[in-house]
PDB file of N, CA and C in Angstrom:
ATOM      1  N   MET A   1      68.348  94.646 158.565  1.00  0.00           N
ATOM      2  CA  MET A   1      67.550  94.355 157.394  1.00  0.00           C
ATOM      3  C   MET A   1      66.292  95.218 157.448  1.00  0.00           C
ATOM      4  N   LYS A   2      65.947  95.832 156.342  1.00  0.00           N
ATOM      5  CA  LYS A   2      64.776  96.703 156.277  1.00  0.00           C
ATOM      6  C   LYS A   2      63.498  95.871 156.372  1.00  0.00           C
ATOM      7  N   PRO A   3      62.439  96.453 156.924  1.00  0.00           N
ATOM      8  CA  PRO A   3      61.167  95.725 157.021  1.00  0.00           C
ATOM      9  C   PRO A   3      60.596  95.304 155.662  1.00  0.00           C
ATOM     10  N   LYS A   4      60.846  96.092 154.625  1.00  0.00           N
ATOM     11  CA  LYS A   4      60.366  95.709 153.293  1.00  0.00           C
ATOM     12  C   LYS A   4      61.045  94.433 152.805  1.00  0.00           C
ATOM     13  N   HIS A   5      62.332  94.328 153.097  1.00  0.00           N
ATOM     14  CA  HIS A   5      63.067  93.135 152.689  1.00  0.00           C
ATOM     15  C   HIS A   5      62.638  91.920 153.512  1.00  0.00           C
ATOM     16  N   LYS A   6      62.390  92.140 154.801  1.00  0.00           N
ATOM     17  CA  LYS A   6      61.903  91.052 155.648  1.00  0.00           C
ATOM     18  C   LYS A   6      60.541  90.563 155.165  1.00  0.00           C
ATOM     19  N   ALA A   7      59.658  91.487 154.797  1.00  0.00           N
ATOM     20  CA  ALA A   7      58.330  91.120 154.313  1.00  0.00           C
ATOM     21  C   ALA A   7      58.437  90.283 153.040  1.00  0.00           C
ATOM     22  N   LEU A   8      59.297  90.692 152.132  1.00  0.00           N
ATOM     23  CA  LEU A   8      59.492  89.941 150.891  1.00  0.00           C
ATOM     24  C   LEU A   8      60.030  88.542 151.172  1.00  0.00           C
ATOM     25  N   LEU A   9      60.993  88.450 152.066  1.00  0.00           N
ATOM     26  CA  LEU A   9      61.573  87.158 152.426  1.00  0.00           C
ATOM     27  C   LEU A   9      60.553  86.252 153.117  1.00  0.00           C
ATOM     28  N   PHE A  10      59.785  86.806 154.052  1.00  0.00           N
ATOM     29  CA  PHE A  10      58.764  86.015 154.744  1.00  0.00           C
ATOM     30  C   PHE A  10      57.675  85.553 153.787  1.00  0.00           C
ATOM     31  N   ASN A  11      57.253  86.412 152.849  1.00  0.00           N
ATOM     32  CA  ASN A  11      56.266  86.016 151.844  1.00  0.00           C
ATOM     33  C   ASN A  11      56.782  84.847 151.008  1.00  0.00           C
ATOM     34  N   PHE A  12      58.038  84.928 150.610  1.00  0.00           N
ATOM     35  CA  PHE A  12      58.636  83.869 149.805  1.00  0.00           C
ATOM     36  C   PHE A  12      58.728  82.554 150.573  1.00  0.00           C
ATOM     37  N   ILE A  13      59.198  82.619 151.809  1.00  0.00           N
ATOM     38  CA  ILE A  13      59.346  81.408 152.620  1.00  0.00           C
ATOM     39  C   ILE A  13      57.993  80.750 152.877  1.00  0.00           C
ATOM     40  N   ALA A  14      56.982  81.551 153.202  1.00  0.00           N
ATOM     41  CA  ALA A  14      55.648  81.005 153.470  1.00  0.00           C
ATOM     42  C   ALA A  14      55.066  80.355 152.219  1.00  0.00           C
ATOM     43  N   PHE A  15      55.208  81.018 151.069  1.00  0.00           N
ATOM     44  CA  PHE A  15      54.672  80.468 149.830  1.00  0.00           C
ATOM     45  C   PHE A  15      55.374  79.176 149.445  1.00  0.00           C
ATOM     46  N   VAL A  16      56.695  79.179 149.489  1.00  0.00           N
ATOM     47  CA  VAL A  16      57.458  77.993 149.074  1.00  0.00           C
ATOM     48  C   VAL A  16      57.166  76.807 149.981  1.00  0.00           C
ATOM     49  N   THR A  17      57.076  77.043 151.271  1.00  0.00           N
ATOM     50  CA  THR A  17      56.788  75.958 152.207  1.00  0.00           C
ATOM     51  C   THR A  17      55.427  75.332 151.913  1.00  0.00           C
ATOM     52  N   LEU A  18      54.407  76.166 151.780  1.00  0.00           N
ATOM     53  CA  LEU A  18      53.076  75.630 151.491  1.00  0.00           C
ATOM     54  C   LEU A  18      53.016  74.995 150.105  1.00  0.00           C
ATOM     55  N   PHE A  19      53.684  75.594 149.124  1.00  0.00           N
ATOM     56  CA  PHE A  19      53.685  75.043 147.774  1.00  0.00           C
ATOM     57  C   PHE A  19      54.262  73.634 147.754  1.00  0.00           C
ATOM     58  N   LEU A  20      55.406  73.446 148.401  1.00  0.00           N
ATOM     59  CA  LEU A  20      56.038  72.126 148.397  1.00  0.00           C
ATOM     60  C   LEU A  20      55.202  71.080 149.129  1.00  0.00           C
ATOM     61  N   ILE A  21      54.637  71.467 150.266  1.00  0.00           N
ATOM     62  CA  ILE A  21      53.805  70.522 151.011  1.00  0.00           C
ATOM     63  C   ILE A  21      52.584  70.124 150.189  1.00  0.00           C
ATOM     64  N   ILE A  22      51.910  71.097 149.612  1.00  0.00           N
ATOM     65  CA  ILE A  22      50.700  70.813 148.826  1.00  0.00           C
ATOM     66  C   ILE A  22      51.049  70.008 147.584  1.00  0.00           C
ATOM     67  N   ARG A  23      52.146  70.358 146.917  1.00  0.00           N
ATOM     68  CA  ARG A  23      52.518  69.634 145.699  1.00  0.00           C
ATOM     69  C   ARG A  23      52.858  68.177 145.993  1.00  0.00           C
ATOM     70  N   LEU A  24      53.579  67.943 147.079  1.00  0.00           N
ATOM     71  CA  LEU A  24      53.924  66.565 147.427  1.00  0.00           C
ATOM     72  C   LEU A  24      52.681  65.763 147.817  1.00  0.00           C
ATOM     73  N   LEU A  25      51.796  66.378 148.585  1.00  0.00           N
ATOM     74  CA  LEU A  25      50.583  65.659 148.988  1.00  0.00           C
ATOM     75  C   LEU A  25      49.653  65.383 147.804  1.00  0.00           C
ATOM     76  N   LEU A  26      49.456  66.381 146.956  1.00  0.00           N
ATOM     77  CA  LEU A  26      48.603  66.162 145.789  1.00  0.00           C
ATOM     78  C   LEU A  26      49.229  65.155 144.829  1.00  0.00           C
ATOM     79  N   GLY A  27      50.533  65.223 144.648  1.00  0.00           N
ATOM     80  CA  GLY A  27      51.223  64.277 143.768  1.00  0.00           C
ATOM     81  C   GLY A  27      51.172  62.858 144.283  1.00  0.00           C
ATOM     82  N   TYR A  28      51.120  62.711 145.588  1.00  0.00           N
ATOM     83  CA  TYR A  28      51.053  61.377 146.174  1.00  0.00           C
ATOM     84  C   TYR A  28      49.658  60.780 146.030  1.00  0.00           C
ATOM     85  N   PHE A  29      48.631  61.593 146.228  1.00  0.00           N
ATOM     86  CA  PHE A  29      47.257  61.081 146.226  1.00  0.00           C
ATOM     87  C   PHE A  29      46.564  61.172 144.876  1.00  0.00           C
ATOM     88  N   MET A  30      46.987  62.068 144.001  1.00  0.00           N
ATOM     89  CA  MET A  30      46.311  62.259 142.718  1.00  0.00           C
ATOM     90  C   MET A  30      47.326  62.198 141.583  1.00  0.00           C
ATOM     91  N   PRO A  31      47.298  61.160 140.791  1.00  0.00           N
ATOM     92  CA  PRO A  31      48.251  61.072 139.672  1.00  0.00           C
ATOM     93  C   PRO A  31      47.769  61.920 138.481  1.00  0.00           C
ATOM     94  N   ILE A  32      48.055  63.220 138.520  1.00  0.00           N
ATOM     95  CA  ILE A  32      47.665  64.105 137.421  1.00  0.00           C
ATOM     96  C   ILE A  32      48.916  64.645 136.745  1.00  0.00           C
ATOM     97  N   ASN A  33      48.705  65.327 135.625  1.00  0.00           N
ATOM     98  CA  ASN A  33      49.808  65.885 134.849  1.00  0.00           C
ATOM     99  C   ASN A  33      50.641  66.832 135.719  1.00  0.00           C
ATOM    100  N   ARG A  34      51.949  66.886 135.483  1.00  0.00           N
ATOM    101  CA  ARG A  34      52.847  67.661 136.332  1.00  0.00           C
ATOM    102  C   ARG A  34      52.570  69.159 136.279  1.00  0.00           C
ATOM    103  N   ILE A  35      52.198  69.672 135.100  1.00  0.00           N
ATOM    104  CA  ILE A  35      51.958  71.108 134.992  1.00  0.00           C
ATOM    105  C   ILE A  35      50.685  71.502 135.744  1.00  0.00           C
ATOM    106  N   PHE A  36      49.643  70.672 135.661  1.00  0.00           N
ATOM    107  CA  PHE A  36      48.416  70.962 136.393  1.00  0.00           C
ATOM    108  C   PHE A  36      48.628  70.825 137.902  1.00  0.00           C
ATOM    109  N   LEU A  37      49.460  69.900 138.264  1.00  0.00           N
ATOM    110  CA  LEU A  37      49.814  69.724 139.673  1.00  0.00           C
ATOM    111  C   LEU A  37      50.522  70.970 140.213  1.00  0.00           C
ATOM    112  N   ALA A  38      51.459  71.497 139.453  1.00  0.00           N
ATOM    113  CA  ALA A  38      52.198  72.687 139.877  1.00  0.00           C
ATOM    114  C   ALA A  38      51.292  73.922 139.913  1.00  0.00           C
ATOM    115  N   VAL A  39      50.451  74.088 138.908  1.00  0.00           N
ATOM    116  CA  VAL A  39      49.556  75.247 138.864  1.00  0.00           C
ATOM    117  C   VAL A  39      48.548  75.188 139.999  1.00  0.00           C
ATOM    118  N   THR A  40      47.966  74.021 140.236  1.00  0.00           N
ATOM    119  CA  THR A  40      47.011  73.862 141.332  1.00  0.00           C
ATOM    120  C   THR A  40      47.672  74.135 142.679  1.00  0.00           C
ATOM    121  N   SER A  41      48.864  73.618 142.860  1.00  0.00           N
ATOM    122  CA  SER A  41      49.593  73.841 144.116  1.00  0.00           C
ATOM    123  C   SER A  41      49.917  75.315 144.311  1.00  0.00           C
ATOM    124  N   ALA A  42      50.290  76.000 143.243  1.00  0.00           N
ATOM    125  CA  ALA A  42      50.618  77.421 143.337  1.00  0.00           C
ATOM    126  C   ALA A  42      49.394  78.249 143.707  1.00  0.00           C
ATOM    127  N   ILE A  43      48.244  77.935 143.128  1.00  0.00           N
ATOM    128  CA  ILE A  43      47.021  78.680 143.429  1.00  0.00           C
ATOM    129  C   ILE A  43      46.606  78.461 144.874  1.00  0.00           C
ATOM    130  N   VAL A  44      46.617  77.221 145.324  1.00  0.00           N
ATOM    131  CA  VAL A  44      46.219  76.915 146.699  1.00  0.00           C
ATOM    132  C   VAL A  44      47.203  77.528 147.695  1.00  0.00           C
ATOM    133  N   ALA A  45      48.488  77.445 147.408  1.00  0.00           N
ATOM    134  CA  ALA A  45      49.495  78.026 148.309  1.00  0.00           C
ATOM    135  C   ALA A  45      49.371  79.542 148.352  1.00  0.00           C
ATOM    136  N   ASN A  46      49.048  80.158 147.237  1.00  0.00           N
ATOM    137  CA  ASN A  46      48.878  81.608 147.207  1.00  0.00           C
ATOM    138  C   ASN A  46      47.688  82.051 148.046  1.00  0.00           C
ATOM    139  N   VAL A  47      46.636  81.271 148.056  1.00  0.00           N
ATOM    140  CA  VAL A  47      45.456  81.608 148.859  1.00  0.00           C
ATOM    141  C   VAL A  47      45.711  81.365 150.346  1.00  0.00           C
ATOM    142  N   LEU A  48      46.371  80.278 150.685  1.00  0.00           N
ATOM    143  CA  LEU A  48      46.557  79.893 152.086  1.00  0.00           C
ATOM    144  C   LEU A  48      47.739  80.560 152.786  1.00  0.00           C
ATOM    145  N   ALA A  49      48.700  81.060 152.046  1.00  0.00           N
ATOM    146  CA  ALA A  49      49.912  81.631 152.649  1.00  0.00           C
ATOM    147  C   ALA A  49      49.604  82.966 153.328  1.00  0.00           C
ATOM    148  N   PRO A  50      50.230  83.221 154.477  1.00  0.00           N
ATOM    149  CA  PRO A  50      50.063  84.534 155.110  1.00  0.00           C
ATOM    150  C   PRO A  50      50.746  85.618 154.283  1.00  0.00           C
ATOM    151  N   LYS A  51      50.180  86.809 154.338  1.00  0.00           N
ATOM    152  CA  LYS A  51      50.729  87.941 153.589  1.00  0.00           C
ATOM    153  C   LYS A  51      51.420  88.884 154.569  1.00  0.00           C
ATOM    154  N   PHE A  52      52.653  89.244 154.260  1.00  0.00           N
ATOM    155  CA  PHE A  52      53.443  90.141 155.087  1.00  0.00           C
ATOM    156  C   PHE A  52      53.618  91.457 154.351  1.00  0.00           C
ATOM    157  N   GLY A  53      53.633  92.551 155.121  1.00  0.00           N
ATOM    158  CA  GLY A  53      53.822  93.853 154.515  1.00  0.00           C
ATOM    159  C   GLY A  53      54.459  94.822 155.480  1.00  0.00           C
ATOM    160  N   ALA A  54      55.230  95.747 154.921  1.00  0.00           N
ATOM    161  CA  ALA A  54      55.866  96.798 155.721  1.00  0.00           C
ATOM    162  C   ALA A  54      55.028  98.062 155.554  1.00  0.00           C
ATOM    163  N   ILE A  55      54.562  98.609 156.672  1.00  0.00           N
ATOM    164  CA  ILE A  55      53.688  99.776 156.656  1.00  0.00           C
ATOM    165  C   ILE A  55      54.356 100.889 157.444  1.00  0.00           C
ATOM    166  N   GLU A  56      54.306 102.079 156.877  1.00  0.00           N
ATOM    167  CA  GLU A  56      54.873 103.257 157.528  1.00  0.00           C
ATOM    168  C   GLU A  56      53.902 103.768 158.585  1.00  0.00           C
ATOM    169  N   THR A  57      54.361 103.830 159.842  1.00  0.00           N
ATOM    170  CA  THR A  57      53.555 104.334 160.950  1.00  0.00           C
ATOM    171  C   THR A  57      54.241 105.562 161.540  1.00  0.00           C
ATOM    172  N   ASP A  58      53.646 106.103 162.594  1.00  0.00           N
ATOM    173  CA  ASP A  58      54.235 107.267 163.254  1.00  0.00           C
ATOM    174  C   ASP A  58      55.584 106.940 163.895  1.00  0.00           C
ATOM    175  N   GLU A  59      55.735 105.708 164.402  1.00  0.00           N
ATOM    176  CA  GLU A  59      56.988 105.297 165.038  1.00  0.00           C
ATOM    177  C   GLU A  59      58.039 104.829 164.035  1.00  0.00           C
ATOM    178  N   GLY A  60      57.694 104.734 162.781  1.00  0.00           N
ATOM    179  CA  GLY A  60      58.618 104.238 161.759  1.00  0.00           C
ATOM    180  C   GLY A  60      57.957 103.126 160.967  1.00  0.00           C
ATOM    181  N   GLU A  61      58.756 102.419 160.206  1.00  0.00           N
ATOM    182  CA  GLU A  61      58.235 101.336 159.372  1.00  0.00           C
ATOM    183  C   GLU A  61      58.131 100.058 160.201  1.00  0.00           C
ATOM    184  N   LYS A  62      56.957  99.420 160.159  1.00  0.00           N
ATOM    185  CA  LYS A  62      56.730  98.198 160.932  1.00  0.00           C
ATOM    186  C   LYS A  62      56.264  97.081 160.009  1.00  0.00           C
ATOM    187  N   LEU A  63      56.472  95.859 160.467  1.00  0.00           N
ATOM    188  CA  LEU A  63      56.117  94.676 159.710  1.00  0.00           C
ATOM    189  C   LEU A  63      54.806  94.104 160.236  1.00  0.00           C
ATOM    190  N   PHE A  64      53.850  93.883 159.328  1.00  0.00           N
ATOM    191  CA  PHE A  64      52.545  93.347 159.693  1.00  0.00           C
ATOM    192  C   PHE A  64      52.254  92.084 158.896  1.00  0.00           C
ATOM    193  N   MET A  65      51.397  91.227 159.465  1.00  0.00           N
ATOM    194  CA  MET A  65      51.010  89.987 158.823  1.00  0.00           C
ATOM    195  C   MET A  65      49.494  89.897 158.773  1.00  0.00           C
ATOM    196  N   LYS A  66      48.975  89.436 157.633  1.00  0.00           N
ATOM    197  CA  LYS A  66      47.548  89.196 157.475  1.00  0.00           C
ATOM    198  C   LYS A  66      47.389  87.765 156.963  1.00  0.00           C
ATOM    199  N   TRP A  67      46.456  87.046 157.565  1.00  0.00           N
ATOM    200  CA  TRP A  67      46.255  85.649 157.208  1.00  0.00           C
ATOM    201  C   TRP A  67      44.771  85.347 157.262  1.00  0.00           C
ATOM    202  N   ILE A  68      44.307  84.403 156.435  1.00  0.00           N
ATOM    203  CA  ILE A  68      42.878  84.118 156.398  1.00  0.00           C
ATOM    204  C   ILE A  68      42.406  83.375 157.645  1.00  0.00           C
ATOM    205  N   PHE A  69      43.334  82.780 158.405  1.00  0.00           N
ATOM    206  CA  PHE A  69      42.957  82.026 159.589  1.00  0.00           C
ATOM    207  C   PHE A  69      42.927  82.853 160.864  1.00  0.00           C
ATOM    208  N   ILE A  70      43.359  84.108 160.788  1.00  0.00           N
ATOM    209  CA  ILE A  70      43.278  84.994 161.941  1.00  0.00           C
ATOM    210  C   ILE A  70      42.502  86.250 161.532  1.00  0.00           C
ATOM    211  N   LYS A  71      41.862  86.867 162.502  1.00  0.00           N
ATOM    212  CA  LYS A  71      41.068  88.057 162.220  1.00  0.00           C
ATOM    213  C   LYS A  71      41.947  89.297 162.329  1.00  0.00           C
ATOM    214  N   GLY A  72      41.908  90.146 161.324  1.00  0.00           N
ATOM    215  CA  GLY A  72      42.679  91.380 161.354  1.00  0.00           C
ATOM    216  C   GLY A  72      44.132  91.165 160.993  1.00  0.00           C
ATOM    217  N   THR A  73      44.944  92.155 161.364  1.00  0.00           N
ATOM    218  CA  THR A  73      46.368  92.070 161.097  1.00  0.00           C
ATOM    219  C   THR A  73      47.138  91.984 162.409  1.00  0.00           C
ATOM    220  N   ARG A  74      48.327  91.431 162.347  1.00  0.00           N
ATOM    221  CA  ARG A  74      49.177  91.305 163.539  1.00  0.00           C
ATOM    222  C   ARG A  74      50.529  91.943 163.247  1.00  0.00           C
ATOM    223  N   GLU A  75      51.043  92.649 164.250  1.00  0.00           N
ATOM    224  CA  GLU A  75      52.369  93.231 164.111  1.00  0.00           C
ATOM    225  C   GLU A  75      53.423  92.198 164.497  1.00  0.00           C
ATOM    226  N   ILE A  76      54.483  92.158 163.737  1.00  0.00           N
ATOM    227  CA  ILE A  76      55.566  91.203 164.003  1.00  0.00           C
ATOM    228  C   ILE A  76      56.753  91.968 164.544  1.00  0.00           C
TER     229      ILE A  76
END
């Protein structure tokens, strides 16, 4: 599997996992309209989810991760 495809898959998995957790928790504690619940969950999940990217280096294409809870980027 190419690193670009892995990055896309990891981005999707991270977003969906956080989106579902946040949506269920907000829906349990705050009885608000379903569309606002989904939009709020999507915004929060987009901010909190780690970002994956494939970057071309001298050794070839590598997969990197950037997250707000860690400093800098990490190679995967």
